[in-house]
Amino acid sequence: MLRALRASLSMLVENIRMSVTNIAQNRLRSALTVLGIMIGVTAVIALITTVSAVSSSITSSFTSMGAGTLNLSVTGSDLKTGLSYDDLDMLTGLDCVDGVTPTVSTRTQVNRGSDYETRITVAGRNPYWFSVNEDIVARGRALNIMDMEGMNFTCLIDQTMIDTFFYGEDPLEKTLYISGLPFKVVGVFDSDSDTSVTGMMAGTTDILIPYTTALKLNSTSEVTSLTLYLAAGWDSTSATEALESALDELFSYEEDCYEITTMDSLESTMESMTSMMAALLGGIASIALLVGGIGIMNMMLTSVTERTAEIGLKKALGAKPRQIQAQFLIESFILSLSGGVIGTLIGLVVSFGLCRAMGAGFTVSRGAIALGVGFSALVGIVFGWAPARKASKLNPIDALRRM
């Protein structure tokens, strides 16, 4: 048995040596065949790794921005269309709630003298929002409780508004007209520091005003969207139950009056979307591997035709069909695996560059590497099987006649 094992091992080594020799003798053709597999694996590795890195970066941002928060969207009923100032006080008083930040925004015209801009985004905020985003005020002051209760015409502007309306001037204590109404500029905020999820989803905010004043600009007195910050010791599940109980009573137990969204559900949706995107891109990139596999099959069929006399001579000398088949399979496997390994290395370099360019953290995906290398090896076996079988089925007499 040991002798048979040694003989099989010796035969395997000889087949590998002969395969490598034949590949080396046809350098250009082999290189072009390897190139097809290499491009396919590079595309698979680069796309999957990059999508995975971007997905992780987005998920981390969502988690950091929305940790300990619930988002409430009110559709209302026939009797009650939104939440009043007193309703917000009631929600703030719940044990599970540390504070609330209403989301009120509008797009309107802003002007100062002869300078004006249309479709400027104006967002209404409350003092609690400024306490959560404490680094957002670059100069001046934040909006306070007196601004809220008095519906004061005060505002904070970002650098874009300064460049547009106060170029070369200090904007503090100056007047800016929003929807034709005079607002005093009390502060300057850094729009890049707005880490709220709702702010991110709504796009860039140019001007901040008291949310009560924003409601007045929108000709309404009720809030339909807000973020609730959970008190210490409360998780999203238990807080949602307590909040639902309070809201059900508020809306007289009518159905479909509101929707509570947690960051867990947003993260789950995001992960599902990115997984689908990775699978789609990976499938598209795999087409290149399929094309490369067809190239391997074409080369091996050509090789069988060119080496018909060699195959006939080996069979005449006693080589078994499975030995002939093994040699061609090994040759196909080596070509495909070589392309897979080179493509993997290039794919990692490309994905590293893409991640750096997009500002996402680069992480080597073992799954992507296993998929790229494993798929390339499988392609070599699958597409090399038909030529190998054809070689093993050649009649030695017919093959020797071609010598």
Protein backbone atom coordinates (compact mmCIF):
# COMPACT_ATOMS: atom_id res chain seq x y z
CA MET A 1 0.00 0.00 0.00
CA LEU A 2 2.87 2.33 0.81
CA ARG A 3 4.41 1.51 -2.56
CA ALA A 4 1.15 2.37 -4.34
CA LEU A 5 0.95 5.65 -2.44
CA ARG A 6 4.51 6.53 -3.45
CA ALA A 7 3.75 5.66 -7.06
CA SER A 8 0.64 7.90 -7.04
CA LEU A 9 2.60 10.74 -5.47
CA SER A 10 5.38 10.33 -8.02
CA MET A 11 2.81 10.36 -10.83
CA LEU A 12 1.24 13.54 -9.41
CA VAL A 13 4.61 15.29 -9.22
CA GLU A 14 5.41 14.23 -12.78
CA ASN A 15 2.05 15.52 -14.03
CA ILE A 16 2.62 18.86 -12.33
CA ARG A 17 6.11 19.11 -13.81
CA MET A 18 4.86 18.32 -17.30
CA SER A 19 1.96 20.78 -16.92
CA VAL A 20 4.30 23.58 -15.85
CA THR A 21 6.64 22.76 -18.74
CA ASN A 22 3.82 22.90 -21.28
CA ILE A 23 2.56 26.22 -19.83
CA ALA A 24 6.06 27.67 -20.04
CA GLN A 25 6.42 26.55 -23.66
CA ASN A 26 3.31 28.54 -24.60
CA ARG A 27 4.03 31.70 -22.59
CA LEU A 28 1.96 34.21 -24.56
CA ARG A 29 -1.11 32.00 -24.85
CA SER A 30 -0.89 31.03 -21.19
CA ALA A 31 -0.46 34.65 -20.12
CA LEU A 32 -3.56 35.73 -22.06
CA THR A 33 -5.54 32.85 -20.54
CA VAL A 34 -4.40 33.77 -17.02
CA LEU A 35 -5.27 37.42 -17.73
CA GLY A 36 -8.97 36.60 -18.17
CA ILE A 37 -9.15 34.87 -14.78
CA MET A 38 -7.02 37.58 -13.17
CA ILE A 39 -9.37 40.38 -14.32
CA GLY A 40 -12.41 38.51 -13.04
CA VAL A 41 -10.92 37.83 -9.60
CA THR A 42 -9.61 41.41 -9.33
CA ALA A 43 -13.11 42.75 -10.01
CA VAL A 44 -14.73 40.38 -7.48
CA ILE A 45 -12.21 41.14 -4.70
CA ALA A 46 -12.17 44.90 -5.30
CA LEU A 47 -15.95 45.31 -5.47
CA ILE A 48 -16.87 43.07 -2.55
CA THR A 49 -14.12 44.43 -0.28
CA THR A 50 -14.91 48.05 -1.12
CA VAL A 51 -18.67 47.64 -0.66
CA SER A 52 -18.06 45.86 2.65
CA ALA A 53 -15.79 48.68 3.88
CA VAL A 54 -18.23 51.41 2.84
CA SER A 55 -21.10 49.48 4.44
CA SER A 56 -19.20 49.18 7.73
CA SER A 57 -18.37 52.88 7.65
CA ILE A 58 -22.00 53.86 7.03
CA THR A 59 -23.27 51.49 9.73
CA SER A 60 -20.77 52.89 12.24
CA SER A 61 -21.91 56.43 11.41
CA PHE A 62 -25.54 55.47 11.89
CA THR A 63 -24.76 53.79 15.19
CA SER A 64 -22.75 56.73 16.55
CA MET A 65 -25.35 59.27 15.42
CA GLY A 66 -28.40 57.37 16.56
CA ALA A 67 -27.26 55.57 19.71
CA GLY A 68 -29.92 55.96 22.38
CA THR A 69 -32.50 57.65 20.14
CA LEU A 70 -35.93 56.96 18.70
CA ASN A 71 -37.39 58.74 15.68
CA LEU A 72 -41.11 59.52 15.79
CA SER A 73 -43.12 60.37 12.68
CA VAL A 74 -46.74 61.45 13.18
CA THR A 75 -49.33 60.95 10.44
CA GLY A 76 -52.16 61.96 12.75
CA SER A 77 -55.89 61.33 12.73
CA ASP A 78 -59.04 63.24 11.82
CA LEU A 79 -59.12 64.81 15.28
CA LYS A 80 -55.40 65.35 15.85
CA THR A 81 -52.91 65.97 13.05
CA GLY A 82 -49.71 66.43 15.06
CA LEU A 83 -48.09 67.14 18.42
CA SER A 84 -48.56 70.45 20.20
CA TYR A 85 -46.12 72.22 22.51
CA ASP A 86 -47.91 70.66 25.51
CA ASP A 87 -47.68 67.21 23.91
CA LEU A 88 -43.93 67.60 23.59
CA ASP A 89 -43.74 68.56 27.28
CA MET A 90 -45.70 65.40 28.11
CA LEU A 91 -43.33 63.21 26.10
CA THR A 92 -40.31 64.90 27.67
CA GLY A 93 -41.75 64.06 31.10
CA LEU A 94 -41.82 60.31 30.41
CA ASP A 95 -39.35 58.28 32.50
CA CYS A 96 -37.84 56.75 29.37
CA VAL A 97 -37.20 60.11 27.66
CA ASP A 98 -34.29 62.40 28.50
CA GLY A 99 -35.22 65.02 25.92
CA VAL A 100 -36.82 65.62 22.52
CA THR A 101 -35.72 67.56 19.46
CA PRO A 102 -38.51 68.50 17.00
CA THR A 103 -37.67 68.40 13.32
CA VAL A 104 -39.21 71.35 11.48
CA SER A 105 -37.75 72.59 8.22
CA THR A 106 -38.67 74.65 5.21
CA ARG A 107 -37.16 75.99 2.00
CA THR A 108 -37.65 79.68 1.47
CA GLN A 109 -36.19 82.90 0.11
CA VAL A 110 -33.53 84.74 2.10
CA ASN A 111 -32.31 88.24 1.33
CA ARG A 112 -30.26 91.12 2.68
CA GLY A 113 -30.56 94.33 0.73
CA SER A 114 -30.28 93.55 -2.96
CA ASP A 115 -28.70 90.15 -2.35
CA TYR A 116 -31.10 87.23 -2.22
CA GLU A 117 -31.16 83.46 -2.58
CA THR A 118 -34.10 81.10 -3.09
CA ARG A 119 -34.70 77.59 -1.76
CA ILE A 120 -32.50 78.09 1.30
CA THR A 121 -32.96 75.31 3.87
CA VAL A 122 -34.12 76.68 7.23
CA ALA A 123 -34.38 74.21 10.14
CA GLY A 124 -36.15 74.73 13.45
CA ARG A 125 -34.29 73.59 16.57
CA ASN A 126 -34.80 73.70 20.32
CA PRO A 127 -32.34 74.24 23.22
CA TYR A 128 -32.04 70.50 23.93
CA TRP A 129 -30.75 69.92 20.39
CA PHE A 130 -27.97 72.42 21.02
CA SER A 131 -27.08 70.69 24.30
CA VAL A 132 -26.73 67.39 22.42
CA ASN A 133 -24.73 69.02 19.58
CA GLU A 134 -22.69 71.23 21.88
CA ASP A 135 -19.80 71.72 19.44
CA ILE A 136 -21.95 73.01 16.60
CA VAL A 137 -21.88 76.73 17.59
CA ALA A 138 -18.66 78.22 16.25
CA ARG A 139 -19.33 81.83 17.30
CA GLY A 140 -22.08 83.68 19.10
CA ARG A 141 -24.68 81.81 21.10
CA ALA A 142 -27.13 78.97 20.73
CA LEU A 143 -30.89 79.34 20.70
CA ASN A 144 -32.35 79.34 24.22
CA ILE A 145 -35.67 78.72 25.94
CA MET A 146 -36.70 82.38 25.62
CA ASP A 147 -36.24 82.15 21.84
CA MET A 148 -38.55 79.11 21.83
CA GLU A 149 -41.30 80.45 24.06
CA GLY A 150 -41.26 83.94 22.50
CA MET A 151 -41.09 82.64 18.92
CA ASN A 152 -38.24 85.11 18.50
CA PHE A 153 -36.87 86.06 15.12
CA THR A 154 -33.33 84.94 15.89
CA CYS A 155 -31.12 82.68 13.80
CA LEU A 156 -27.75 81.01 13.38
CA ILE A 157 -26.17 80.83 9.93
CA ASP A 158 -23.43 78.70 8.39
CA GLN A 159 -20.34 79.77 6.45
CA THR A 160 -22.15 79.59 3.12
CA MET A 161 -24.65 82.20 4.26
CA ILE A 162 -21.80 84.38 5.55
CA ASP A 163 -20.06 84.25 2.18
CA THR A 164 -23.34 85.04 0.41
CA PHE A 165 -24.74 87.86 2.54
CA PHE A 166 -21.96 89.06 4.88
CA TYR A 167 -18.78 88.74 2.85
CA GLY A 168 -16.03 90.66 4.67
CA GLU A 169 -18.37 91.51 7.57
CA ASP A 170 -19.06 90.15 11.03
CA PRO A 171 -22.63 88.77 10.76
CA LEU A 172 -23.37 88.77 14.49
CA GLU A 173 -26.20 91.08 15.51
CA LYS A 174 -26.89 91.86 11.85
CA THR A 175 -30.33 91.42 10.26
CA LEU A 176 -31.21 88.82 7.63
CA TYR A 177 -34.62 88.60 6.02
CA ILE A 178 -36.13 85.10 5.93
CA SER A 179 -39.44 84.80 4.06
CA GLY A 180 -39.58 88.59 4.21
CA LEU A 181 -39.27 88.69 8.03
CA PRO A 182 -36.30 90.29 9.83
CA PHE A 183 -34.18 87.80 11.79
CA LYS A 184 -31.27 88.80 14.02
CA VAL A 185 -28.12 86.69 13.53
CA VAL A 186 -27.09 85.57 17.03
CA GLY A 187 -24.57 82.90 16.09
CA VAL A 188 -22.58 81.03 13.48
CA PHE A 189 -22.74 77.22 13.34
CA ASP A 190 -20.54 74.60 11.74
CA SER A 191 -22.76 72.58 9.41
CA ASP A 192 -20.20 69.73 9.36
CA SER A 193 -20.81 69.20 13.08
CA ASP A 194 -24.51 68.42 12.62
CA THR A 195 -24.41 64.75 13.60
CA SER A 196 -28.15 64.21 13.91
CA VAL A 197 -29.58 61.46 11.76
CA THR A 198 -32.52 63.57 10.67
CA GLY A 199 -30.22 66.41 9.71
CA MET A 200 -28.09 64.08 7.65
CA MET A 201 -31.09 62.58 5.85
CA ALA A 202 -32.65 65.95 5.14
CA GLY A 203 -29.49 67.30 3.55
CA THR A 204 -27.47 70.42 4.30
CA THR A 205 -29.02 73.01 6.63
CA ASP A 206 -28.16 76.66 5.94
CA ILE A 207 -29.98 78.48 8.75
CA LEU A 208 -31.17 77.46 12.23
CA ILE A 209 -34.10 79.22 13.91
CA PRO A 210 -36.32 78.41 16.93
CA TYR A 211 -38.58 75.51 16.03
CA THR A 212 -41.63 77.43 17.26
CA THR A 213 -40.78 80.21 14.82
CA ALA A 214 -40.29 77.62 12.05
CA LEU A 215 -43.77 76.28 12.76
CA LYS A 216 -45.10 79.81 12.39
CA LEU A 217 -43.34 80.18 9.02
CA ASN A 218 -45.00 76.93 7.93
CA SER A 219 -48.38 78.24 9.10
CA THR A 220 -48.85 75.40 11.58
CA SER A 221 -48.66 74.88 15.31
CA GLU A 222 -48.03 71.13 15.44
CA VAL A 223 -44.92 69.00 15.07
CA THR A 224 -45.06 65.85 12.94
CA SER A 225 -41.47 64.64 13.25
CA LEU A 226 -39.08 64.52 16.20
CA THR A 227 -36.21 62.62 17.75
CA LEU A 228 -36.45 61.31 21.31
CA TYR A 229 -33.30 60.75 23.36
CA LEU A 230 -33.57 57.87 25.81
CA ALA A 231 -32.90 58.27 29.51
CA ALA A 232 -30.08 56.31 31.12
CA GLY A 233 -30.91 52.66 31.72
CA TRP A 234 -33.55 52.42 29.00
CA ASP A 235 -33.16 50.36 25.84
CA SER A 236 -35.01 50.99 22.58
CA THR A 237 -37.44 48.07 23.03
CA SER A 238 -38.74 49.00 26.48
CA ALA A 239 -38.73 52.73 25.61
CA THR A 240 -40.76 52.05 22.47
CA GLU A 241 -43.38 50.20 24.50
CA ALA A 242 -43.66 53.06 27.03
CA LEU A 243 -43.82 55.62 24.23
CA GLU A 244 -46.50 53.68 22.33
CA SER A 245 -48.62 53.54 25.47
CA ALA A 246 -48.44 57.34 25.86
CA LEU A 247 -49.07 58.03 22.16
CA ASP A 248 -52.00 55.61 21.96
CA GLU A 249 -53.71 57.54 24.74
CA LEU A 250 -52.82 60.84 23.07
CA PHE A 251 -54.42 59.79 19.77
CA SER A 252 -57.47 58.18 21.43
CA TYR A 253 -56.22 54.69 20.53
CA GLU A 254 -56.76 55.20 16.80
CA GLU A 255 -54.56 53.06 14.57
CA ASP A 256 -51.83 54.19 12.16
CA CYS A 257 -51.44 57.65 13.71
CA TYR A 258 -47.69 57.46 14.18
CA GLU A 259 -44.58 55.42 13.43
CA ILE A 260 -41.60 54.86 15.71
CA THR A 261 -38.30 54.05 14.04
CA THR A 262 -35.30 52.75 15.95
CA MET A 263 -31.70 52.77 14.81
CA ASP A 264 -31.77 48.96 14.92
CA SER A 265 -34.32 48.88 12.10
CA LEU A 266 -32.40 51.50 10.09
CA GLU A 267 -29.16 49.57 10.49
CA SER A 268 -30.90 46.33 9.51
CA THR A 269 -32.29 47.97 6.37
CA MET A 270 -28.90 49.44 5.51
CA GLU A 271 -27.13 46.10 5.98
CA SER A 272 -29.74 44.37 3.82
CA MET A 273 -29.31 46.94 1.05
CA THR A 274 -25.51 46.78 1.09
CA SER A 275 -25.59 42.96 1.13
CA MET A 276 -27.83 42.98 -1.93
CA MET A 277 -25.53 45.49 -3.61
CA ALA A 278 -22.44 43.39 -2.82
CA ALA A 279 -24.14 40.27 -4.20
CA LEU A 280 -25.22 42.11 -7.35
CA LEU A 281 -21.79 43.60 -8.00
CA GLY A 282 -20.12 40.28 -7.18
CA GLY A 283 -22.42 38.53 -9.66
CA ILE A 284 -21.62 41.05 -12.38
CA ALA A 285 -17.89 40.71 -11.71
CA SER A 286 -18.20 36.92 -11.79
CA ILE A 287 -19.16 37.17 -15.46
CA ALA A 288 -15.52 38.08 -16.11
CA LEU A 289 -14.52 34.83 -14.37
CA LEU A 290 -16.91 32.93 -16.59
CA VAL A 291 -15.34 34.51 -19.67
CA GLY A 292 -11.91 33.60 -18.31
CA GLY A 293 -13.08 30.01 -17.81
CA ILE A 294 -14.20 29.83 -21.42
CA GLY A 295 -10.75 31.09 -22.38
CA ILE A 296 -9.16 28.26 -20.39
CA MET A 297 -11.40 25.70 -22.09
CA ASN A 298 -10.49 27.09 -25.50
CA MET A 299 -6.78 26.94 -24.74
CA MET A 300 -6.98 23.40 -23.38
CA LEU A 301 -8.97 22.16 -26.39
CA THR A 302 -6.34 23.71 -28.65
CA SER A 303 -3.63 22.06 -26.55
CA VAL A 304 -5.33 18.66 -26.88
CA THR A 305 -5.43 19.07 -30.66
CA GLU A 306 -1.77 20.12 -30.83
CA ARG A 307 -0.62 17.30 -28.54
CA THR A 308 -2.63 14.48 -30.09
CA ALA A 309 0.51 12.58 -31.11
CA GLU A 310 2.00 13.00 -27.62
CA ILE A 311 -1.19 11.66 -26.04
CA GLY A 312 -1.25 8.67 -28.44
CA LEU A 313 2.37 7.84 -27.66
CA LYS A 314 1.73 7.95 -23.90
CA LYS A 315 -1.29 5.69 -24.22
CA ALA A 316 0.66 3.31 -26.43
CA LEU A 317 3.33 3.12 -23.73
CA GLY A 318 0.71 2.18 -21.11
CA ALA A 319 -0.61 5.47 -19.76
CA LYS A 320 -4.16 5.05 -18.47
CA PRO A 321 -7.00 7.42 -19.51
CA ARG A 322 -7.35 8.76 -15.96
CA GLN A 323 -3.63 9.65 -15.96
CA ILE A 324 -4.00 11.58 -19.22
CA GLN A 325 -7.12 13.28 -17.88
CA ALA A 326 -5.35 14.18 -14.62
CA GLN A 327 -2.47 15.85 -16.49
CA PHE A 328 -4.76 18.16 -18.45
CA LEU A 329 -6.88 18.91 -15.40
CA ILE A 330 -3.77 19.86 -13.42
CA GLU A 331 -2.62 22.12 -16.23
CA SER A 332 -6.00 23.86 -16.33
CA PHE A 333 -6.04 24.12 -12.52
CA ILE A 334 -2.57 25.71 -12.39
CA LEU A 335 -3.51 28.30 -15.02
CA SER A 336 -6.73 29.24 -13.28
CA LEU A 337 -5.25 29.27 -9.76
CA SER A 338 -2.35 31.46 -10.92
CA GLY A 339 -4.80 33.99 -12.28
CA GLY A 340 -6.79 33.78 -9.04
CA VAL A 341 -3.81 34.45 -6.79
CA ILE A 342 -2.51 37.35 -8.91
CA GLY A 343 -6.04 38.78 -9.22
CA THR A 344 -6.50 38.58 -5.46
CA LEU A 345 -3.35 40.59 -4.78
CA ILE A 346 -4.24 43.23 -7.38
CA GLY A 347 -7.85 43.33 -6.11
CA LEU A 348 -6.68 44.05 -2.56
CA VAL A 349 -4.46 46.88 -3.80
CA VAL A 350 -7.31 48.35 -5.88
CA SER A 351 -9.82 48.09 -3.01
CA PHE A 352 -7.31 49.72 -0.63
CA GLY A 353 -6.99 52.66 -3.02
CA LEU A 354 -10.78 52.94 -3.43
CA CYS A 355 -11.35 52.85 0.33
CA ARG A 356 -8.73 55.55 0.87
CA ALA A 357 -10.31 57.70 -1.83
CA MET A 358 -13.78 57.37 -0.28
CA GLY A 359 -12.57 57.79 3.29
CA ALA A 360 -13.72 54.32 4.37
CA GLY A 361 -11.72 51.99 6.59
CA PHE A 362 -9.96 49.21 4.66
CA THR A 363 -10.39 45.68 6.01
CA VAL A 364 -9.19 42.53 4.30
CA SER A 365 -12.24 40.38 3.60
CA ARG A 366 -11.30 36.74 4.06
CA GLY A 367 -14.61 35.72 2.54
CA ALA A 368 -13.89 37.70 -0.61
CA ILE A 369 -10.41 36.19 -0.88
CA ALA A 370 -11.77 32.68 -0.37
CA LEU A 371 -14.47 33.36 -2.97
CA GLY A 372 -12.00 34.74 -5.53
CA VAL A 373 -9.35 32.05 -5.17
CA GLY A 374 -11.83 29.20 -4.65
CA PHE A 375 -13.98 30.23 -7.61
CA SER A 376 -10.96 30.57 -9.86
CA ALA A 377 -9.77 27.07 -8.88
CA LEU A 378 -13.27 25.71 -9.49
CA VAL A 379 -13.37 27.40 -12.89
CA GLY A 380 -10.10 25.67 -13.80
CA ILE A 381 -11.49 22.27 -12.90
CA VAL A 382 -14.94 22.73 -14.46
CA PHE A 383 -13.75 24.25 -17.73
CA GLY A 384 -10.72 21.97 -17.94
CA TRP A 385 -12.73 18.79 -17.48
CA ALA A 386 -14.15 18.61 -21.03
CA PRO A 387 -10.76 19.02 -22.79
CA ALA A 388 -9.16 16.59 -20.31
CA ARG A 389 -11.86 14.01 -20.95
CA LYS A 390 -11.48 14.48 -24.69
CA ALA A 391 -7.76 13.82 -24.36
CA SER A 392 -8.30 10.69 -22.27
CA LYS A 393 -10.77 9.27 -24.83
CA LEU A 394 -8.41 9.55 -27.82
CA ASN A 395 -7.72 6.32 -29.61
CA PRO A 396 -3.92 5.75 -29.42
CA ILE A 397 -3.80 4.27 -32.96
CA ASP A 398 -5.63 7.25 -34.49
CA ALA A 399 -3.47 9.61 -32.49
CA LEU A 400 -0.19 7.97 -33.61
CA ARG A 401 -1.22 8.21 -37.25
CA ARG A 402 -0.90 12.00 -36.94
CA MET A 403 2.79 11.78 -36.03
